[in-house]
Amino acid sequence: MKVLLDQNLSRRMLPALEPLFPGSSQVALLNLDTADDRAIWQYAKDNGFAIVTLDSDFHAK
């Protein structure tokens, strides 16, 4: 499994996540930092990512 960190989570977390979740990324690294939640959700779905976010209403958008 690979995770996609939302813009509210630092890309500096990736080295710590890499051993457990190889191939993980952060939205800014994928040029999705200005994308809306639906676009991020679709990207994650299309590319096999599980989204990690602190945005409490991410699921509602």
N, C-alpha and C. Protein backbone atom coordinates (compact mmCIF):
# COMPACT_ATOMS: atom_id res chain seq x y z
N MET A 1 0.84 -1.17 0.00
CA MET A 1 0.00 0.00 0.00
C MET A 1 0.89 1.24 0.00
N LYS A 2 0.47 2.23 -0.73
CA LYS A 2 1.17 3.51 -0.71
C LYS A 2 0.18 4.58 -0.28
N VAL A 3 0.70 5.60 0.41
CA VAL A 3 -0.17 6.66 0.92
C VAL A 3 0.12 7.97 0.20
N LEU A 4 -0.92 8.78 0.12
CA LEU A 4 -0.82 10.12 -0.45
C LEU A 4 -1.11 11.11 0.67
N LEU A 5 -0.11 11.88 1.05
CA LEU A 5 -0.28 12.88 2.09
C LEU A 5 -0.93 14.12 1.51
N ASP A 6 -1.98 14.57 2.16
CA ASP A 6 -2.68 15.79 1.74
C ASP A 6 -1.78 17.00 2.01
N GLN A 7 -2.19 18.17 1.50
CA GLN A 7 -1.35 19.36 1.62
C GLN A 7 -1.13 19.79 3.06
N ASN A 8 -1.98 19.34 3.99
CA ASN A 8 -1.81 19.73 5.38
C ASN A 8 -0.82 18.84 6.14
N LEU A 9 -0.18 17.92 5.44
CA LEU A 9 0.84 17.06 6.03
C LEU A 9 2.16 17.24 5.27
N SER A 10 3.22 17.38 6.02
CA SER A 10 4.53 17.69 5.43
C SER A 10 5.13 16.53 4.64
N ARG A 11 5.73 16.87 3.54
CA ARG A 11 6.45 15.88 2.74
C ARG A 11 7.67 15.35 3.49
N ARG A 12 8.08 16.05 4.54
CA ARG A 12 9.22 15.58 5.34
C ARG A 12 8.92 14.28 6.07
N MET A 13 7.65 13.88 6.10
CA MET A 13 7.27 12.61 6.72
C MET A 13 7.58 11.41 5.81
N LEU A 14 7.74 11.66 4.53
CA LEU A 14 7.90 10.57 3.57
C LEU A 14 9.06 9.62 3.84
N PRO A 15 10.25 10.12 4.20
CA PRO A 15 11.33 9.16 4.47
C PRO A 15 10.99 8.17 5.59
N ALA A 16 10.26 8.62 6.59
CA ALA A 16 9.87 7.71 7.68
C ALA A 16 8.81 6.71 7.23
N LEU A 17 7.97 7.11 6.29
CA LEU A 17 6.90 6.24 5.80
C LEU A 17 7.39 5.24 4.74
N GLU A 18 8.44 5.58 4.04
CA GLU A 18 8.90 4.79 2.90
C GLU A 18 9.13 3.30 3.20
N PRO A 19 9.75 2.95 4.34
CA PRO A 19 9.95 1.51 4.59
C PRO A 19 8.65 0.71 4.71
N LEU A 20 7.62 1.32 5.24
CA LEU A 20 6.34 0.63 5.42
C LEU A 20 5.38 0.83 4.25
N PHE A 21 5.49 1.98 3.60
CA PHE A 21 4.58 2.34 2.50
C PHE A 21 5.38 2.83 1.29
N PRO A 22 6.11 1.92 0.63
CA PRO A 22 6.93 2.34 -0.51
C PRO A 22 6.09 2.94 -1.63
N GLY A 23 6.64 3.98 -2.24
CA GLY A 23 5.95 4.64 -3.34
C GLY A 23 5.01 5.74 -2.90
N SER A 24 5.01 6.05 -1.61
CA SER A 24 4.13 7.09 -1.09
C SER A 24 4.58 8.46 -1.58
N SER A 25 3.66 9.43 -1.51
CA SER A 25 3.97 10.77 -1.97
C SER A 25 3.13 11.79 -1.22
N GLN A 26 3.31 13.04 -1.58
CA GLN A 26 2.57 14.16 -1.00
C GLN A 26 2.03 14.98 -2.15
N VAL A 27 0.85 15.58 -1.98
CA VAL A 27 0.17 16.22 -3.10
C VAL A 27 1.02 17.28 -3.80
N ALA A 28 1.80 18.06 -3.07
CA ALA A 28 2.63 19.09 -3.71
C ALA A 28 3.68 18.48 -4.63
N LEU A 29 4.19 17.32 -4.27
CA LEU A 29 5.20 16.66 -5.10
C LEU A 29 4.60 16.17 -6.42
N LEU A 30 3.29 16.03 -6.45
CA LEU A 30 2.59 15.56 -7.65
C LEU A 30 1.87 16.70 -8.37
N ASN A 31 2.21 17.93 -8.00
CA ASN A 31 1.58 19.13 -8.58
C ASN A 31 0.07 19.15 -8.36
N LEU A 32 -0.37 18.62 -7.22
CA LEU A 32 -1.79 18.62 -6.87
C LEU A 32 -2.08 19.57 -5.71
N ASP A 33 -1.12 20.40 -5.33
CA ASP A 33 -1.29 21.25 -4.16
C ASP A 33 -2.39 22.29 -4.31
N THR A 34 -2.78 22.61 -5.53
CA THR A 34 -3.89 23.55 -5.73
C THR A 34 -5.16 22.84 -6.18
N ALA A 35 -5.11 21.53 -6.26
CA ALA A 35 -6.28 20.75 -6.70
C ALA A 35 -7.31 20.68 -5.58
N ASP A 36 -8.58 20.57 -5.97
CA ASP A 36 -9.62 20.42 -4.96
C ASP A 36 -9.64 18.97 -4.47
N ASP A 37 -10.39 18.74 -3.40
CA ASP A 37 -10.41 17.42 -2.77
C ASP A 37 -10.89 16.33 -3.72
N ARG A 38 -11.85 16.65 -4.57
CA ARG A 38 -12.35 15.64 -5.52
C ARG A 38 -11.26 15.20 -6.50
N ALA A 39 -10.46 16.14 -6.97
CA ALA A 39 -9.37 15.81 -7.89
C ALA A 39 -8.31 14.96 -7.19
N ILE A 40 -8.02 15.29 -5.95
CA ILE A 40 -7.05 14.50 -5.19
C ILE A 40 -7.59 13.10 -4.96
N TRP A 41 -8.86 13.00 -4.61
CA TRP A 41 -9.51 11.70 -4.40
C TRP A 41 -9.41 10.85 -5.68
N GLN A 42 -9.72 11.45 -6.82
CA GLN A 42 -9.69 10.73 -8.08
C GLN A 42 -8.27 10.29 -8.42
N TYR A 43 -7.30 11.17 -8.21
CA TYR A 43 -5.90 10.81 -8.47
C TYR A 43 -5.49 9.62 -7.61
N ALA A 44 -5.85 9.68 -6.34
CA ALA A 44 -5.51 8.59 -5.42
C ALA A 44 -6.15 7.28 -5.88
N LYS A 45 -7.40 7.34 -6.25
CA LYS A 45 -8.12 6.15 -6.71
C LYS A 45 -7.47 5.57 -7.97
N ASP A 46 -7.18 6.44 -8.92
CA ASP A 46 -6.61 6.00 -10.20
C ASP A 46 -5.19 5.44 -10.07
N ASN A 47 -4.48 5.86 -9.02
CA ASN A 47 -3.07 5.50 -8.89
C ASN A 47 -2.76 4.64 -7.67
N GLY A 48 -3.78 4.10 -7.03
CA GLY A 48 -3.57 3.14 -5.95
C GLY A 48 -3.06 3.70 -4.64
N PHE A 49 -3.42 4.95 -4.33
CA PHE A 49 -3.02 5.57 -3.07
C PHE A 49 -4.16 5.52 -2.06
N ALA A 50 -3.80 5.44 -0.79
CA ALA A 50 -4.72 5.71 0.32
C ALA A 50 -4.40 7.13 0.78
N ILE A 51 -5.41 7.96 0.96
CA ILE A 51 -5.20 9.36 1.33
C ILE A 51 -5.06 9.49 2.84
N VAL A 52 -4.06 10.26 3.26
CA VAL A 52 -3.89 10.61 4.67
C VAL A 52 -4.04 12.12 4.77
N THR A 53 -4.99 12.58 5.59
CA THR A 53 -5.27 14.00 5.71
C THR A 53 -5.66 14.36 7.13
N LEU A 54 -5.51 15.62 7.48
CA LEU A 54 -6.02 16.15 8.74
C LEU A 54 -7.28 16.97 8.50
N ASP A 55 -7.71 17.05 7.27
CA ASP A 55 -8.89 17.82 6.87
C ASP A 55 -10.14 17.06 7.31
N SER A 56 -10.81 17.53 8.34
CA SER A 56 -11.94 16.79 8.92
C SER A 56 -13.14 16.67 7.99
N ASP A 57 -13.23 17.53 6.99
CA ASP A 57 -14.38 17.44 6.07
C ASP A 57 -13.99 16.95 4.68
N PHE A 58 -12.82 16.33 4.55
CA PHE A 58 -12.37 15.84 3.25
C PHE A 58 -13.39 14.90 2.62
N HIS A 59 -13.96 14.01 3.40
CA HIS A 59 -14.92 13.02 2.90
C HIS A 59 -16.23 13.65 2.44
N ALA A 60 -16.53 14.85 2.89
CA ALA A 60 -17.82 15.48 2.60
C ALA A 60 -17.81 16.28 1.31
N LYS A 61 -16.67 16.46 0.71
CA LYS A 61 -16.59 17.33 -0.48
C LYS A 61 -16.79 16.55 -1.74
